[in-house]
């Protein structure tokens, strides 16, 4: 298919939830794949006054590269750099009162994302989609559960009335700890 059609197909099937892309970046990736010999032009067509559309197909070398890449991604853990981890590394720059409020807001957002993913799984399974094709959503739910548990533990460590970090942290900012 041509890159625009591929982009529409990925969005139709919700793949933008797992793969970050834009129409423009997809065209650039297709060009790089073609240069590497992993995809090849199949045909060029034009409908009416629309621009020409180049249809690409995966090559045997592309299939082999895909499988090798997937084996690496599945089998070898990689260090990733999620934005939340970056924020946690600098969280002491905010007051604990702000952080408590923000973490509660985050918990609400995590719950909404979890509900959306769970509903997507339930709806898709009811439509007969095999669970194998929903595994990334199941993984997403597990990650959301783990992050929610972490945030709740972090909140407890800040807010514990006897040994919480809140008072010491607030004092470092010249304020008092008063989680609401």
N, C-alpha and C. Protein backbone atom coordinates (compact mmCIF):
# COMPACT_ATOMS: atom_id res chain seq x y z
N UNK A 1 0.84 -1.18 0.00
CA UNK A 1 0.00 0.00 0.00
C UNK A 1 0.88 1.24 0.00
N UNK A 2 0.30 2.37 -0.28
CA UNK A 2 1.06 3.61 -0.25
C UNK A 2 1.09 4.14 1.19
N UNK A 3 2.07 4.99 1.53
CA UNK A 3 2.25 5.42 2.91
C UNK A 3 1.00 6.05 3.54
N UNK A 4 0.25 6.86 2.78
CA UNK A 4 -0.95 7.47 3.35
C UNK A 4 -1.97 6.40 3.72
N UNK A 5 -2.16 5.43 2.86
CA UNK A 5 -3.09 4.33 3.13
C UNK A 5 -2.62 3.53 4.35
N UNK A 6 -1.32 3.30 4.45
CA UNK A 6 -0.76 2.60 5.61
C UNK A 6 -1.05 3.37 6.89
N UNK A 7 -0.87 4.67 6.84
CA UNK A 7 -1.15 5.51 8.01
C UNK A 7 -2.61 5.42 8.42
N UNK A 8 -3.52 5.50 7.45
CA UNK A 8 -4.95 5.39 7.75
C UNK A 8 -5.28 4.02 8.34
N UNK A 9 -4.68 2.96 7.79
CA UNK A 9 -4.92 1.60 8.28
C UNK A 9 -4.44 1.46 9.72
N UNK A 10 -3.23 1.96 10.00
CA UNK A 10 -2.70 1.88 11.37
C UNK A 10 -3.62 2.61 12.35
N UNK A 11 -4.10 3.78 11.96
CA UNK A 11 -5.00 4.54 12.84
C UNK A 11 -6.35 3.83 13.01
N UNK A 12 -6.86 3.25 11.93
CA UNK A 12 -8.14 2.54 11.99
C UNK A 12 -8.08 1.41 13.01
N UNK A 13 -6.95 0.71 13.04
CA UNK A 13 -6.82 -0.42 13.95
C UNK A 13 -6.24 -0.03 15.31
N UNK A 14 -6.11 1.28 15.57
CA UNK A 14 -5.66 1.74 16.88
C UNK A 14 -4.18 1.55 17.13
N UNK A 15 -3.40 1.33 16.09
CA UNK A 15 -1.98 1.07 16.30
C UNK A 15 -1.21 2.31 16.74
N UNK A 16 -1.80 3.50 16.62
CA UNK A 16 -1.11 4.69 17.10
C UNK A 16 -1.00 4.66 18.63
N UNK A 17 -1.71 3.75 19.28
CA UNK A 17 -1.59 3.57 20.73
C UNK A 17 -0.28 2.85 21.08
N UNK A 18 0.30 2.13 20.11
CA UNK A 18 1.51 1.35 20.35
C UNK A 18 2.72 1.86 19.56
N UNK A 19 2.46 2.53 18.45
CA UNK A 19 3.53 3.00 17.58
C UNK A 19 3.33 4.49 17.34
N UNK A 20 4.31 5.29 17.75
CA UNK A 20 4.19 6.73 17.57
C UNK A 20 4.62 7.09 16.15
N UNK A 21 3.72 7.73 15.40
CA UNK A 21 4.03 8.13 14.03
C UNK A 21 3.14 9.27 13.60
N UNK A 22 3.60 9.96 12.57
CA UNK A 22 2.80 10.97 11.87
C UNK A 22 2.82 10.58 10.39
N UNK A 23 1.93 11.19 9.63
CA UNK A 23 1.93 10.91 8.18
C UNK A 23 3.31 11.22 7.61
N UNK A 24 3.87 12.38 7.97
CA UNK A 24 5.17 12.79 7.45
C UNK A 24 6.29 11.84 7.85
N UNK A 25 6.30 11.42 9.11
CA UNK A 25 7.38 10.51 9.55
C UNK A 25 7.25 9.17 8.86
N UNK A 26 6.04 8.74 8.56
CA UNK A 26 5.84 7.46 7.89
C UNK A 26 6.43 7.50 6.47
N UNK A 27 6.24 8.61 5.78
CA UNK A 27 6.83 8.74 4.45
C UNK A 27 8.36 8.66 4.53
N UNK A 28 8.95 9.31 5.52
CA UNK A 28 10.40 9.28 5.68
C UNK A 28 10.88 7.86 5.99
N UNK A 29 10.17 7.15 6.84
CA UNK A 29 10.55 5.77 7.18
C UNK A 29 10.47 4.88 5.94
N UNK A 30 9.40 5.05 5.15
CA UNK A 30 9.25 4.25 3.93
C UNK A 30 10.43 4.51 2.99
N UNK A 31 10.84 5.77 2.86
CA UNK A 31 11.99 6.09 2.01
C UNK A 31 13.26 5.41 2.52
N UNK A 32 13.46 5.42 3.83
CA UNK A 32 14.64 4.77 4.40
C UNK A 32 14.58 3.26 4.21
N UNK A 33 13.40 2.68 4.38
CA UNK A 33 13.24 1.24 4.16
C UNK A 33 13.51 0.87 2.71
N UNK A 34 13.05 1.72 1.79
CA UNK A 34 13.29 1.47 0.37
C UNK A 34 14.78 1.56 0.05
N UNK A 35 15.44 2.56 0.61
CA UNK A 35 16.88 2.74 0.39
C UNK A 35 17.66 1.52 0.90
N UNK A 36 17.20 0.93 2.01
CA UNK A 36 17.86 -0.24 2.59
C UNK A 36 17.48 -1.54 1.88
N UNK A 37 16.48 -1.47 0.98
CA UNK A 37 16.05 -2.66 0.26
C UNK A 37 15.04 -3.50 1.01
N UNK A 38 14.42 -2.94 2.06
CA UNK A 38 13.45 -3.69 2.86
C UNK A 38 12.03 -3.58 2.31
N UNK A 39 11.75 -2.53 1.52
CA UNK A 39 10.50 -2.40 0.77
C UNK A 39 10.88 -1.97 -0.64
N UNK A 40 9.98 -2.22 -1.57
CA UNK A 40 10.24 -1.84 -2.97
C UNK A 40 8.96 -1.30 -3.59
N UNK A 41 9.14 -0.39 -4.53
CA UNK A 41 7.98 0.14 -5.25
C UNK A 41 7.30 -0.98 -6.02
N UNK A 42 5.97 -1.01 -5.94
CA UNK A 42 5.19 -1.99 -6.68
C UNK A 42 4.50 -1.35 -7.87
N UNK A 43 4.01 -0.12 -7.66
CA UNK A 43 3.35 0.60 -8.75
C UNK A 43 3.18 2.05 -8.35
N UNK A 44 2.96 2.89 -9.34
CA UNK A 44 2.67 4.30 -9.13
C UNK A 44 1.35 4.57 -9.82
N UNK A 45 0.42 5.21 -9.10
CA UNK A 45 -0.89 5.49 -9.70
C UNK A 45 -1.33 6.90 -9.36
N UNK A 46 -2.33 7.36 -10.09
CA UNK A 46 -2.89 8.69 -9.84
C UNK A 46 -4.39 8.60 -10.07
N UNK A 47 -5.15 9.17 -9.15
CA UNK A 47 -6.61 9.23 -9.30
C UNK A 47 -7.02 10.68 -9.47
N UNK A 48 -7.53 11.01 -10.61
CA UNK A 48 -8.00 12.37 -10.86
C UNK A 48 -6.88 13.38 -10.69
N UNK A 49 -7.20 14.46 -9.97
CA UNK A 49 -6.23 15.54 -9.76
C UNK A 49 -5.35 15.30 -8.52
N UNK A 50 -5.52 14.15 -7.90
CA UNK A 50 -4.72 13.85 -6.70
C UNK A 50 -3.26 13.61 -7.09
N UNK A 51 -2.36 13.77 -6.10
CA UNK A 51 -0.95 13.50 -6.40
C UNK A 51 -0.71 12.01 -6.67
N UNK A 52 0.41 11.72 -7.30
CA UNK A 52 0.76 10.32 -7.55
C UNK A 52 0.92 9.59 -6.23
N UNK A 53 0.54 8.32 -6.24
CA UNK A 53 0.68 7.47 -5.05
C UNK A 53 1.58 6.30 -5.42
N UNK A 54 2.65 6.16 -4.67
CA UNK A 54 3.55 5.03 -4.88
C UNK A 54 3.18 3.94 -3.89
N UNK A 55 2.90 2.77 -4.41
CA UNK A 55 2.54 1.62 -3.58
C UNK A 55 3.81 0.81 -3.35
N UNK A 56 4.05 0.47 -2.09
CA UNK A 56 5.24 -0.29 -1.71
C UNK A 56 4.83 -1.66 -1.20
N UNK A 57 5.74 -2.60 -1.34
CA UNK A 57 5.57 -3.93 -0.80
C UNK A 57 6.83 -4.34 -0.07
N UNK A 58 6.70 -5.18 0.93
CA UNK A 58 7.85 -5.64 1.69
C UNK A 58 8.63 -6.66 0.86
N UNK A 59 9.95 -6.60 0.93
CA UNK A 59 10.80 -7.54 0.20
C UNK A 59 11.15 -8.71 1.11
N UNK A 60 11.77 -9.73 0.54
CA UNK A 60 12.22 -10.86 1.36
C UNK A 60 13.24 -10.38 2.39
N UNK A 61 14.13 -9.47 1.98
CA UNK A 61 15.11 -8.91 2.93
C UNK A 61 14.38 -8.13 4.04
N UNK A 62 13.30 -7.46 3.68
CA UNK A 62 12.51 -6.72 4.68
C UNK A 62 11.85 -7.66 5.67
N UNK A 63 11.32 -8.78 5.19
CA UNK A 63 10.72 -9.77 6.10
C UNK A 63 11.76 -10.34 7.06
N UNK A 64 12.94 -10.64 6.53
CA UNK A 64 14.02 -11.17 7.37
C UNK A 64 14.45 -10.14 8.42
N UNK A 65 14.58 -8.89 8.00
CA UNK A 65 14.96 -7.82 8.93
C UNK A 65 13.89 -7.61 9.99
N UNK A 66 12.62 -7.65 9.59
CA UNK A 66 11.51 -7.52 10.54
C UNK A 66 11.59 -8.59 11.62
N UNK A 67 11.79 -9.83 11.18
CA UNK A 67 11.86 -10.94 12.14
C UNK A 67 13.07 -10.80 13.08
N UNK A 68 14.20 -10.42 12.53
CA UNK A 68 15.40 -10.22 13.36
C UNK A 68 15.17 -9.11 14.38
N UNK A 69 14.59 -8.01 13.93
CA UNK A 69 14.33 -6.87 14.80
C UNK A 69 13.34 -7.26 15.90
N UNK A 70 12.27 -7.96 15.54
CA UNK A 70 11.28 -8.39 16.53
C UNK A 70 11.88 -9.36 17.54
N UNK A 71 12.74 -10.26 17.06
CA UNK A 71 13.41 -11.19 17.99
C UNK A 71 14.20 -10.41 19.03
N UNK A 72 14.89 -9.39 18.59
CA UNK A 72 15.67 -8.55 19.50
C UNK A 72 14.76 -7.81 20.48
N UNK A 73 13.69 -7.21 19.97
CA UNK A 73 12.77 -6.46 20.84
C UNK A 73 12.08 -7.35 21.87
N UNK A 74 11.69 -8.55 21.46
CA UNK A 74 10.99 -9.46 22.36
C UNK A 74 11.96 -10.09 23.36
N UNK A 75 13.15 -10.48 22.89
CA UNK A 75 14.05 -11.25 23.73
C UNK A 75 15.02 -10.47 24.59
N UNK A 76 15.30 -9.22 24.24
CA UNK A 76 16.33 -8.47 24.96
C UNK A 76 15.75 -7.21 25.58
N UNK A 77 15.70 -7.15 26.90
CA UNK A 77 15.19 -5.93 27.55
C UNK A 77 16.06 -4.72 27.17
N UNK A 78 15.44 -3.62 26.94
CA UNK A 78 16.13 -2.38 26.61
C UNK A 78 15.83 -1.34 27.69
N UNK A 79 16.79 -0.49 27.97
CA UNK A 79 16.51 0.61 28.89
C UNK A 79 15.71 1.65 28.12
N UNK A 80 14.55 1.99 28.65
CA UNK A 80 13.69 2.98 28.01
C UNK A 80 13.68 4.24 28.86
N UNK A 81 13.26 5.33 28.29
CA UNK A 81 13.30 6.62 28.95
C UNK A 81 11.91 7.26 29.00
N UNK A 82 11.01 6.69 29.80
CA UNK A 82 9.67 7.30 29.89
C UNK A 82 9.73 8.68 30.55
N UNK A 83 8.86 9.55 30.13
CA UNK A 83 8.82 10.92 30.65
C UNK A 83 8.58 10.94 32.16
N UNK A 84 7.77 10.03 32.68
CA UNK A 84 7.48 10.01 34.12
C UNK A 84 8.74 9.73 34.92
N UNK A 85 9.60 8.84 34.43
CA UNK A 85 10.86 8.55 35.12
C UNK A 85 11.72 9.80 35.16
N UNK A 86 11.76 10.55 34.06
CA UNK A 86 12.50 11.81 34.03
C UNK A 86 11.95 12.78 35.06
N UNK A 87 10.63 12.88 35.13
CA UNK A 87 10.00 13.78 36.10
C UNK A 87 10.33 13.34 37.53
N UNK A 88 10.30 12.05 37.80
CA UNK A 88 10.61 11.57 39.15
C UNK A 88 12.04 11.91 39.55
N UNK A 89 12.95 11.90 38.59
CA UNK A 89 14.34 12.20 38.92
C UNK A 89 14.53 13.65 39.38
N UNK A 90 13.56 14.51 39.07
CA UNK A 90 13.65 15.93 39.42
C UNK A 90 12.50 16.39 40.31
N UNK A 91 11.69 15.46 40.80
CA UNK A 91 10.46 15.81 41.50
C UNK A 91 10.69 16.65 42.76
N UNK A 92 11.86 16.53 43.38
CA UNK A 92 12.13 17.30 44.60
C UNK A 92 12.17 18.80 44.35
N UNK A 93 12.23 19.23 43.10
CA UNK A 93 12.20 20.66 42.78
C UNK A 93 10.82 21.26 43.04
N UNK A 94 9.80 20.41 43.10
CA UNK A 94 8.45 20.87 43.43
C UNK A 94 8.22 20.69 44.92
N UNK A 95 7.24 21.37 45.46
CA UNK A 95 6.90 21.17 46.87
C UNK A 95 6.11 19.87 47.01
N UNK A 96 6.19 19.25 48.18
CA UNK A 96 5.42 18.02 48.36
C UNK A 96 3.92 18.24 48.24
N UNK A 97 3.44 19.41 48.60
CA UNK A 97 2.01 19.69 48.45
C UNK A 97 1.61 19.65 46.98
N UNK A 98 2.43 20.24 46.12
CA UNK A 98 2.16 20.19 44.68
C UNK A 98 2.22 18.75 44.17
N UNK A 99 3.23 18.02 44.61
CA UNK A 99 3.44 16.67 44.12
C UNK A 99 2.28 15.77 44.53
N UNK A 100 1.81 15.91 45.75
CA UNK A 100 0.67 15.09 46.20
C UNK A 100 -0.54 15.36 45.31
N UNK A 101 -0.82 16.62 45.04
CA UNK A 101 -1.97 16.95 44.18
C UNK A 101 -1.76 16.41 42.77
N UNK A 102 -0.56 16.55 42.24
CA UNK A 102 -0.27 16.07 40.89
C UNK A 102 -0.34 14.54 40.80
N UNK A 103 0.14 13.87 41.83
CA UNK A 103 0.08 12.40 41.82
C UNK A 103 -1.37 11.91 41.90
N UNK A 104 -2.19 12.60 42.65
CA UNK A 104 -3.61 12.23 42.70
C UNK A 104 -4.26 12.44 41.33
N UNK A 105 -3.89 13.53 40.68
CA UNK A 105 -4.38 13.79 39.31
C UNK A 105 -3.90 12.69 38.37
N UNK A 106 -2.64 12.28 38.53
CA UNK A 106 -2.08 11.21 37.69
C UNK A 106 -2.85 9.92 37.90
N UNK A 107 -3.18 9.60 39.16
CA UNK A 107 -3.94 8.38 39.44
C UNK A 107 -5.27 8.39 38.70
N UNK A 108 -5.93 9.54 38.67
CA UNK A 108 -7.20 9.65 37.93
C UNK A 108 -6.97 9.39 36.45
N UNK A 109 -5.90 9.96 35.89
CA UNK A 109 -5.59 9.76 34.48
C UNK A 109 -5.24 8.31 34.17
N UNK A 110 -4.48 7.67 35.07
CA UNK A 110 -4.13 6.27 34.89
C UNK A 110 -5.38 5.40 34.92
N UNK A 111 -6.29 5.70 35.83
CA UNK A 111 -7.54 4.94 35.93
C UNK A 111 -8.36 5.08 34.65
N UNK A 112 -8.38 6.28 34.08
CA UNK A 112 -9.12 6.50 32.84
C UNK A 112 -8.47 5.73 31.68
N UNK A 113 -7.15 5.75 31.61
CA UNK A 113 -6.46 5.01 30.55
C UNK A 113 -6.68 3.51 30.71
N UNK A 114 -6.65 3.03 31.95
CA UNK A 114 -6.86 1.60 32.19
C UNK A 114 -8.27 1.20 31.77
N UNK A 115 -9.25 2.03 32.12
CA UNK A 115 -10.63 1.74 31.75
C UNK A 115 -10.77 1.68 30.23
N UNK A 116 -10.16 2.63 29.53
CA UNK A 116 -10.22 2.66 28.07
C UNK A 116 -9.60 1.39 27.48
N UNK A 117 -8.43 1.00 27.97
CA UNK A 117 -7.77 -0.19 27.45
C UNK A 117 -8.58 -1.45 27.76
N UNK A 118 -9.11 -1.55 28.97
CA UNK A 118 -9.91 -2.72 29.35
C UNK A 118 -11.18 -2.81 28.50
N UNK A 119 -11.81 -1.67 28.25
CA UNK A 119 -13.01 -1.66 27.40
C UNK A 119 -12.68 -2.06 25.97
N UNK A 120 -11.53 -1.61 25.48
CA UNK A 120 -11.09 -1.98 24.13
C UNK A 120 -10.88 -3.49 24.04
N UNK A 121 -10.24 -4.06 25.04
CA UNK A 121 -10.02 -5.52 25.07
C UNK A 121 -11.36 -6.25 25.09
N UNK A 122 -12.25 -5.83 25.99
CA UNK A 122 -13.55 -6.49 26.13
C UNK A 122 -14.36 -6.40 24.83
N UNK A 123 -14.40 -5.21 24.24
CA UNK A 123 -15.15 -5.01 22.99
C UNK A 123 -14.56 -5.85 21.87
N UNK A 124 -13.25 -5.84 21.75
CA UNK A 124 -12.58 -6.58 20.67
C UNK A 124 -12.79 -8.08 20.82
N UNK A 125 -12.67 -8.59 22.05
CA UNK A 125 -12.89 -10.01 22.28
C UNK A 125 -14.34 -10.39 21.97
N UNK A 126 -15.29 -9.50 22.32
CA UNK A 126 -16.69 -9.77 22.02
C UNK A 126 -16.94 -9.81 20.51
N UNK A 127 -16.12 -9.08 19.75
CA UNK A 127 -16.23 -9.07 18.29
C UNK A 127 -15.47 -10.24 17.66
N UNK A 128 -14.85 -11.07 18.51
CA UNK A 128 -14.16 -12.24 18.00
C UNK A 128 -12.69 -12.07 17.70
N UNK A 129 -12.10 -10.96 18.12
CA UNK A 129 -10.66 -10.77 17.90
C UNK A 129 -9.91 -11.72 18.83
N UNK A 130 -9.03 -12.54 18.29
CA UNK A 130 -8.27 -13.47 19.14
C UNK A 130 -7.39 -12.70 20.13
N UNK A 131 -7.28 -13.18 21.35
CA UNK A 131 -6.49 -12.49 22.39
C UNK A 131 -5.05 -12.20 21.98
N UNK A 132 -4.46 -13.02 21.13
CA UNK A 132 -3.09 -12.76 20.68
C UNK A 132 -2.97 -11.37 20.07
N UNK A 133 -4.01 -10.93 19.36
CA UNK A 133 -3.95 -9.65 18.67
C UNK A 133 -4.31 -8.47 19.58
N UNK A 134 -4.51 -8.76 20.85
CA UNK A 134 -4.78 -7.72 21.84
C UNK A 134 -3.72 -7.69 22.93
N UNK A 135 -2.65 -8.46 22.74
CA UNK A 135 -1.67 -8.63 23.80
C UNK A 135 -1.01 -7.33 24.21
N UNK A 136 -0.82 -6.39 23.27
CA UNK A 136 -0.21 -5.12 23.65
C UNK A 136 -1.13 -4.32 24.57
N UNK A 137 -2.45 -4.48 24.42
CA UNK A 137 -3.38 -3.80 25.32
C UNK A 137 -3.39 -4.45 26.71
N UNK A 138 -3.26 -5.77 26.74
CA UNK A 138 -3.16 -6.47 28.02
C UNK A 138 -1.90 -6.01 28.74
N UNK A 139 -0.80 -5.91 28.01
CA UNK A 139 0.46 -5.41 28.58
C UNK A 139 0.28 -3.99 29.09
N UNK A 140 -0.39 -3.15 28.30
CA UNK A 140 -0.63 -1.76 28.70
C UNK A 140 -1.41 -1.71 30.02
N UNK A 141 -2.42 -2.57 30.16
CA UNK A 141 -3.20 -2.62 31.40
C UNK A 141 -2.29 -2.98 32.58
N UNK A 142 -1.42 -3.98 32.38
CA UNK A 142 -0.52 -4.40 33.47
C UNK A 142 0.43 -3.27 33.85
N UNK A 143 0.95 -2.54 32.85
CA UNK A 143 1.81 -1.41 33.14
C UNK A 143 1.07 -0.31 33.90
N UNK A 144 -0.16 -0.06 33.50
CA UNK A 144 -0.97 0.94 34.19
C UNK A 144 -1.23 0.52 35.63
N UNK A 145 -1.49 -0.77 35.83
CA UNK A 145 -1.69 -1.27 37.20
C UNK A 145 -0.42 -1.07 38.03
N UNK A 146 0.73 -1.41 37.45
CA UNK A 146 1.99 -1.27 38.16
C UNK A 146 2.29 0.20 38.47
N UNK A 147 2.06 1.07 37.50
CA UNK A 147 2.31 2.49 37.74
C UNK A 147 1.37 3.04 38.80
N UNK A 148 0.11 2.64 38.75
CA UNK A 148 -0.85 3.09 39.78
C UNK A 148 -0.41 2.64 41.17
N UNK A 149 0.05 1.40 41.27
CA UNK A 149 0.52 0.90 42.57
C UNK A 149 1.73 1.70 43.03
N UNK A 150 2.64 2.00 42.12
CA UNK A 150 3.81 2.81 42.47
C UNK A 150 3.39 4.19 42.97
N UNK A 151 2.50 4.84 42.24
CA UNK A 151 2.06 6.19 42.62
C UNK A 151 1.39 6.17 43.99
N UNK A 152 0.57 5.17 44.24
CA UNK A 152 -0.07 5.06 45.55
C UNK A 152 0.97 4.86 46.65
N UNK A 153 1.99 4.04 46.41
CA UNK A 153 3.07 3.85 47.40
C UNK A 153 3.84 5.15 47.61
N UNK A 154 4.13 5.86 46.54
CA UNK A 154 4.85 7.12 46.63
C UNK A 154 4.04 8.14 47.45
N UNK A 155 2.75 8.21 47.17
CA UNK A 155 1.88 9.09 47.95
C UNK A 155 1.93 8.72 49.44
N UNK A 156 1.90 7.44 49.74
CA UNK A 156 1.95 6.99 51.13
C UNK A 156 3.28 7.39 51.78
N UNK A 157 4.37 7.28 51.05
CA UNK A 157 5.68 7.65 51.61
C UNK A 157 5.78 9.14 51.87
N UNK A 158 5.13 9.92 51.06
CA UNK A 158 5.14 11.37 51.27
C UNK A 158 4.23 11.73 52.44
N UNK A 159 3.07 11.10 52.49
CA UNK A 159 1.99 11.54 53.40
C UNK A 159 1.91 10.80 54.73
N UNK A 160 2.69 9.74 54.93
CA UNK A 160 2.60 8.99 56.18
C UNK A 160 2.75 9.93 57.37
N UNK A 161 1.77 9.95 58.31
CA UNK A 161 1.80 10.92 59.40
C UNK A 161 2.98 10.73 60.36
N UNK A 162 3.52 9.55 60.45
CA UNK A 162 4.62 9.31 61.38
C UNK A 162 6.00 9.40 60.74
N UNK A 163 6.14 8.82 59.58
CA UNK A 163 7.47 8.75 58.97
C UNK A 163 7.49 9.30 57.54
N UNK A 164 6.50 10.06 57.17
CA UNK A 164 6.41 10.57 55.79
C UNK A 164 7.48 11.58 55.45
N UNK A 165 7.79 11.63 54.16
CA UNK A 165 8.80 12.55 53.66
C UNK A 165 8.30 13.98 53.55
N UNK A 166 6.99 14.18 53.59
CA UNK A 166 6.39 15.50 53.35
C UNK A 166 6.93 16.63 54.20
N UNK A 167 6.95 16.49 55.54
CA UNK A 167 7.42 17.61 56.37
C UNK A 167 8.87 18.02 56.08
N UNK A 168 9.78 17.04 55.97
CA UNK A 168 11.19 17.34 55.70
C UNK A 168 11.33 17.99 54.32
N UNK A 169 10.61 17.47 53.36
CA UNK A 169 10.65 17.96 51.99
C UNK A 169 10.12 19.40 51.94
N UNK A 170 9.00 19.63 52.61
CA UNK A 170 8.42 20.98 52.63
C UNK A 170 9.36 21.97 53.31
N UNK A 171 10.00 21.55 54.40
CA UNK A 171 10.93 22.42 55.12
C UNK A 171 12.09 22.84 54.20
N UNK A 172 12.53 21.95 53.34
CA UNK A 172 13.60 22.29 52.40
C UNK A 172 13.16 23.38 51.42
N UNK A 173 11.85 23.49 51.20
CA UNK A 173 11.30 24.55 50.35
C UNK A 173 10.86 25.76 51.15
N UNK A 174 11.04 25.71 52.46
CA UNK A 174 10.63 26.83 53.31
C UNK A 174 9.13 26.91 53.47
N UNK A 175 8.44 25.77 53.35
CA UNK A 175 6.99 25.75 53.50
C UNK A 175 6.61 24.67 54.51
N UNK A 176 5.34 24.51 54.72
CA UNK A 176 4.85 23.43 55.58
C UNK A 176 4.10 22.43 54.71
N UNK A 177 4.09 21.22 55.19
CA UNK A 177 3.41 20.15 54.45
C UNK A 177 1.96 20.09 54.90
N UNK A 178 1.08 20.21 53.93
CA UNK A 178 -0.36 20.19 54.21
C UNK A 178 -1.09 19.55 53.04
N UNK A 179 -1.00 18.22 52.91
CA UNK A 179 -1.69 17.59 51.79
C UNK A 179 -3.20 17.66 51.96
N UNK A 180 -3.86 18.02 50.91
CA UNK A 180 -5.33 18.11 50.99
C UNK A 180 -5.98 17.06 50.17
